[in-house]
Structure formats: structure tokens, C-alpha cells
Amino acid sequence: ATTEIYTLSLHDALPIFLDLDGIDGLLHITDMTWKRIRHPSEVVKLGDELEVMVLSIDHEKGRLALGLKQKEQNPWELIEEKYPPGTLVKGKIVNMLPYGAFIEIEPGIEGLIHVSEMSWTKNITDPTEVVRKGDEVEAIVLSIQKNEGKVSLGIKQTGKNPWENVEENYPVDKVVEVEIRSLTNYGAFVALEPGIDGLI
């Protein structure tokens, strides 16, 4: 059905209504796009003509529930085939929370980079230590929970774990020259290389 929006302003409550030849059509914000949006004006404006799908009919209220995103394929349907674990993805940081940052891989698909997956060597407690909202970053897909709509990502996996070859690079009895990083009452912490500390 092709409909025309007849009530919409930046201050309107959600959802919006469309005119289907005198019948009210309700288009909820969650049925506008697979992408996360804050307000309908990000997708539509007053007077737009839209081609939408009828989702349900409310005979008592004389109203139709309409969908715009249903005309496109749900991006989560092929998520496991498109982004198997180990895939390198690029995207923009769209949201920050105390436990991590969300990156938009594509419209409708966001993945979480947990703080524990941001550095091999640093104990990150605040994601702003590594990334900021709006940053373009690369990450590795760690896992996908399709039914829950979750993608777990890691930034540190885009680089080599410095501890992988530590036994090979620093065997017992090897003499190394180091820089003292800090002193404590029980010894001295030294830097063998970036990310690898030792204790004397």
C-alpha cells in the first residue's frame, strides 16, 4: 500500500500515522528501519509518500499496523554466513557504555566490543581509554548469538598478543637489558618490551 504521512513533527510522540484513503495507518518507530534510530524524522518527514507493508488490522480502532522495514531483508537472517568468527570488520562507534563500545558494522547490525577485548596488556576499565564515539575502528568477530541479536567483537585481536612468544623471546637464564617502570616495597617492575613487564 502507498500511503501519505499526515501527522509528524519533531515534537510528536511516537509512533506516526499515515493516511490510507481515509483509514489510519500506524507506523511504529521499530517498524521503520532495521537500523536503530531515535526519532522517525531520521527516516521520514511530513508529506512523504511511502510504500509500506500491512502487518495487522485492528477492527475495533479502525486502524492498520504498517511496516516499512519489512520490505527489506532482515540483516540478521544471514549474519552467521556473512560474519563468521574471525572476520575483520570496520565500522563506527555509535554508543558507549561503562562495559564497552558498540560499533555499527552495517545498518541494523551493531556489535559490542567489551572492555576485556580492547587490549592484550592493559586492564581497561573504561572504554574511553581506547575509543571514542564516532571513531572508525577495525575489529574481529569473536562470536554471534543470532537469536539474541548479539555480535561480540574484539579490538585487541587485530594485533598480535605479545605474550604468545614470550617463552621463546625470553627463555630462562637469558640476560636482558630493561627499563625500570616502577618501584614497590617488594621489588621493581621493569619493561622488557611494550606490553611485557617483568618483576625483579
Protein backbone atom coordinates (compact mmCIF):
# COMPACT_ATOMS: atom_id res chain seq x y z
CA ALA A 1 0.00 0.00 0.00
CA THR A 2 1.20 3.51 -0.79
CA THR A 3 0.38 5.95 1.99
CA GLU A 4 0.99 9.59 2.89
CA ILE A 5 2.12 10.83 6.28
CA TYR A 6 -0.30 13.36 7.69
CA THR A 7 0.90 13.89 11.26
CA LEU A 8 4.57 14.26 12.10
CA SER A 9 6.67 16.88 13.80
CA LEU A 10 9.92 16.82 15.72
CA HIS A 11 7.93 17.05 18.94
CA ASP A 12 5.33 14.37 18.18
CA ALA A 13 5.10 11.31 20.36
CA LEU A 14 5.86 8.01 18.68
CA PRO A 15 4.54 6.38 16.52
CA ILE A 16 3.41 8.28 13.40
CA PHE A 17 0.20 7.94 11.42
CA LEU A 18 -0.32 7.57 7.70
CA ASP A 19 -3.41 8.18 5.59
CA LEU A 20 -4.67 5.25 3.52
CA ASP A 21 -7.57 6.90 1.72
CA GLY A 22 -9.29 7.88 4.98
CA ILE A 23 -8.09 4.91 7.05
CA ASP A 24 -5.49 5.44 9.75
CA GLY A 25 -2.25 3.52 9.33
CA LEU A 26 0.13 3.31 12.27
CA LEU A 27 3.85 3.07 11.57
CA HIS A 28 5.81 2.45 14.75
CA ILE A 29 9.42 3.55 15.01
CA THR A 30 10.53 -0.06 15.47
CA ASP A 31 8.97 -0.97 12.10
CA MET A 32 10.60 1.85 10.13
CA THR A 33 14.12 0.52 9.67
CA TRP A 34 16.30 -2.35 10.82
CA LYS A 35 18.77 0.31 11.95
CA ARG A 36 18.50 1.81 15.44
CA ILE A 37 17.03 5.34 15.31
CA ARG A 38 15.94 7.82 17.96
CA HIS A 39 13.14 9.60 16.09
CA PRO A 40 11.01 8.95 12.98
CA SER A 41 12.30 12.18 11.39
CA GLU A 42 15.58 10.35 10.74
CA VAL A 43 13.71 8.24 8.17
CA VAL A 44 10.58 10.12 7.08
CA LYS A 45 9.12 13.63 7.01
CA LEU A 46 5.68 15.19 6.87
CA GLY A 47 4.05 14.74 3.47
CA ASP A 48 6.22 11.83 2.35
CA GLU A 49 4.55 9.12 0.32
CA LEU A 50 5.65 5.66 1.42
CA GLU A 51 5.22 2.15 0.15
CA VAL A 52 4.63 0.02 3.24
CA MET A 53 3.52 -3.45 4.21
CA VAL A 54 0.30 -4.13 6.17
CA LEU A 55 1.26 -6.03 9.33
CA SER A 56 -2.08 -6.32 11.13
CA ILE A 57 -5.61 -4.91 11.27
CA ASP A 58 -7.31 -3.53 14.38
CA HIS A 59 -11.04 -3.66 13.57
CA GLU A 60 -12.12 -2.06 16.85
CA LYS A 61 -9.99 1.06 16.33
CA GLY A 62 -10.30 1.00 12.57
CA ARG A 63 -6.56 1.14 12.21
CA LEU A 64 -3.84 -0.74 10.33
CA ALA A 65 -0.37 -1.52 11.67
CA LEU A 66 2.15 -0.83 8.92
CA GLY A 67 5.77 -1.73 8.36
CA LEU A 68 8.46 -0.08 6.27
CA LYS A 69 11.49 -2.20 7.19
CA GLN A 70 9.62 -5.41 6.31
CA LYS A 71 10.04 -4.53 2.64
CA GLU A 72 13.76 -5.21 3.05
CA GLN A 73 15.54 -8.35 4.17
CA ASN A 74 16.30 -8.62 7.86
CA PRO A 75 20.10 -8.17 8.03
CA TRP A 76 20.24 -10.67 10.90
CA GLU A 77 19.00 -13.52 8.71
CA LEU A 78 22.39 -14.04 7.04
CA ILE A 79 24.53 -12.74 9.90
CA GLU A 80 26.27 -16.06 10.64
CA GLU A 81 27.19 -16.65 7.00
CA LYS A 82 28.28 -13.06 6.40
CA TYR A 83 30.35 -12.55 9.55
CA PRO A 84 31.75 -15.88 10.80
CA PRO A 85 34.10 -15.73 13.83
CA GLY A 86 37.50 -14.40 12.79
CA THR A 87 36.11 -11.95 10.22
CA LEU A 88 37.70 -8.50 10.19
CA VAL A 89 35.04 -5.78 10.19
CA LYS A 90 35.15 -2.00 10.05
CA GLY A 91 32.63 0.42 11.47
CA LYS A 92 31.85 3.49 13.53
CA ILE A 93 31.49 3.60 17.31
CA VAL A 94 27.82 4.52 17.82
CA ASN A 95 27.33 4.03 21.54
CA MET A 96 29.46 3.88 24.68
CA LEU A 97 28.62 2.12 27.94
CA PRO A 98 30.74 1.51 31.06
CA TYR A 99 31.42 -2.08 29.99
CA GLY A 100 32.22 -1.49 26.32
CA ALA A 101 31.54 0.20 23.00
CA PHE A 102 29.04 -0.60 20.26
CA ILE A 103 30.19 -0.48 16.65
CA GLU A 104 27.82 -0.33 13.68
CA ILE A 105 29.01 -2.98 11.22
CA GLU A 106 26.23 -2.18 8.75
CA PRO A 107 22.77 -0.58 9.03
CA GLY A 108 20.81 -2.69 11.50
CA ILE A 109 23.82 -4.62 12.80
CA GLU A 110 25.74 -3.47 15.86
CA GLY A 111 28.40 -5.40 17.73
CA LEU A 112 29.80 -5.00 21.24
CA ILE A 113 33.49 -4.56 21.95
CA HIS A 114 33.75 -5.46 25.64
CA VAL A 115 36.44 -3.67 27.65
CA SER A 116 38.16 -7.02 28.20
CA GLU A 117 38.63 -7.32 24.41
CA MET A 118 40.30 -3.93 23.94
CA SER A 119 43.88 -4.61 24.99
CA TRP A 120 46.16 -7.62 25.44
CA THR A 121 48.25 -5.92 28.09
CA LYS A 122 46.25 -3.17 29.79
CA ASN A 123 43.42 -3.66 32.25
CA ILE A 124 40.88 -1.39 30.58
CA THR A 125 38.10 -0.31 32.94
CA ASP A 126 36.63 2.50 30.80
CA PRO A 127 36.18 2.13 27.02
CA THR A 128 37.03 5.83 26.53
CA GLU A 129 40.64 4.87 27.36
CA VAL A 130 40.76 3.27 23.90
CA VAL A 131 37.92 4.58 21.70
CA ARG A 132 35.50 7.48 21.43
CA LYS A 133 32.01 7.78 19.98
CA GLY A 134 32.27 8.44 16.25
CA ASP A 135 35.65 6.71 15.85
CA GLU A 136 36.10 4.45 12.83
CA VAL A 137 37.64 1.20 14.06
CA GLU A 138 38.55 -2.28 12.91
CA ALA A 139 37.57 -5.31 14.98
CA ILE A 140 37.46 -9.08 14.79
CA VAL A 141 34.20 -11.03 15.11
CA LEU A 142 34.53 -13.29 18.17
CA SER A 143 31.06 -14.84 18.34
CA ILE A 144 27.48 -14.39 17.17
CA GLN A 145 24.30 -15.07 19.13
CA LYS A 146 21.80 -14.70 16.30
CA ASN A 147 18.69 -15.47 18.36
CA GLU A 148 19.67 -12.81 20.91
CA GLY A 149 20.74 -10.28 18.28
CA LYS A 150 24.29 -10.08 19.64
CA VAL A 151 27.67 -9.85 17.96
CA SER A 152 30.78 -9.95 20.14
CA LEU A 153 33.82 -8.14 18.77
CA GLY A 154 37.42 -7.60 19.79
CA ILE A 155 39.88 -4.83 19.00
CA LYS A 156 42.92 -6.46 20.56
CA GLN A 157 42.60 -9.41 18.18
CA THR A 158 43.53 -7.13 15.26
CA GLY A 159 47.07 -7.13 16.68
CA LYS A 160 49.38 -9.86 17.91
CA ASN A 161 49.24 -10.98 21.52
CA PRO A 162 52.72 -10.05 22.85
CA TRP A 163 52.56 -12.94 25.32
CA GLU A 164 52.32 -15.60 22.59
CA ASN A 165 56.10 -15.78 22.05
CA VAL A 166 57.26 -14.65 25.47
CA GLU A 167 58.87 -18.01 26.35
CA GLU A 168 60.69 -18.08 23.02
CA ASN A 169 61.87 -14.47 23.26
CA TYR A 170 62.74 -14.55 26.97
CA PRO A 171 63.91 -18.04 27.95
CA VAL A 172 65.11 -18.75 31.46
CA ASP A 173 68.74 -17.62 32.03
CA LYS A 174 68.66 -15.10 29.17
CA VAL A 175 70.29 -11.79 30.07
CA VAL A 176 68.21 -8.78 29.07
CA GLU A 177 68.58 -5.02 29.40
CA VAL A 178 65.46 -3.44 30.85
CA GLU A 179 63.98 -0.12 31.90
CA ILE A 180 62.62 0.26 35.43
CA ARG A 181 58.98 1.32 35.28
CA SER A 182 58.04 1.48 38.95
CA LEU A 183 59.29 0.59 42.42
CA THR A 184 57.40 -1.12 45.25
CA ASN A 185 58.37 -2.28 48.73
CA TYR A 186 58.75 -5.83 47.38
CA GLY A 187 60.68 -5.15 44.16
CA ALA A 188 60.88 -3.31 40.85
CA PHE A 189 58.69 -3.62 37.76
CA VAL A 190 60.62 -3.40 34.52
CA ALA A 191 59.64 -3.17 30.83
CA LEU A 192 61.00 -5.88 28.59
CA GLU A 193 59.06 -4.50 25.61
CA PRO A 194 55.73 -2.72 25.11
CA GLY A 195 53.12 -4.85 26.86
CA ILE A 196 55.59 -7.19 28.57
CA ASP A 197 56.60 -6.30 32.12
CA GLY A 198 58.84 -8.21 34.48
CA LEU A 199 59.29 -8.16 38.25
CA ILE A 200 62.65 -8.12 39.99
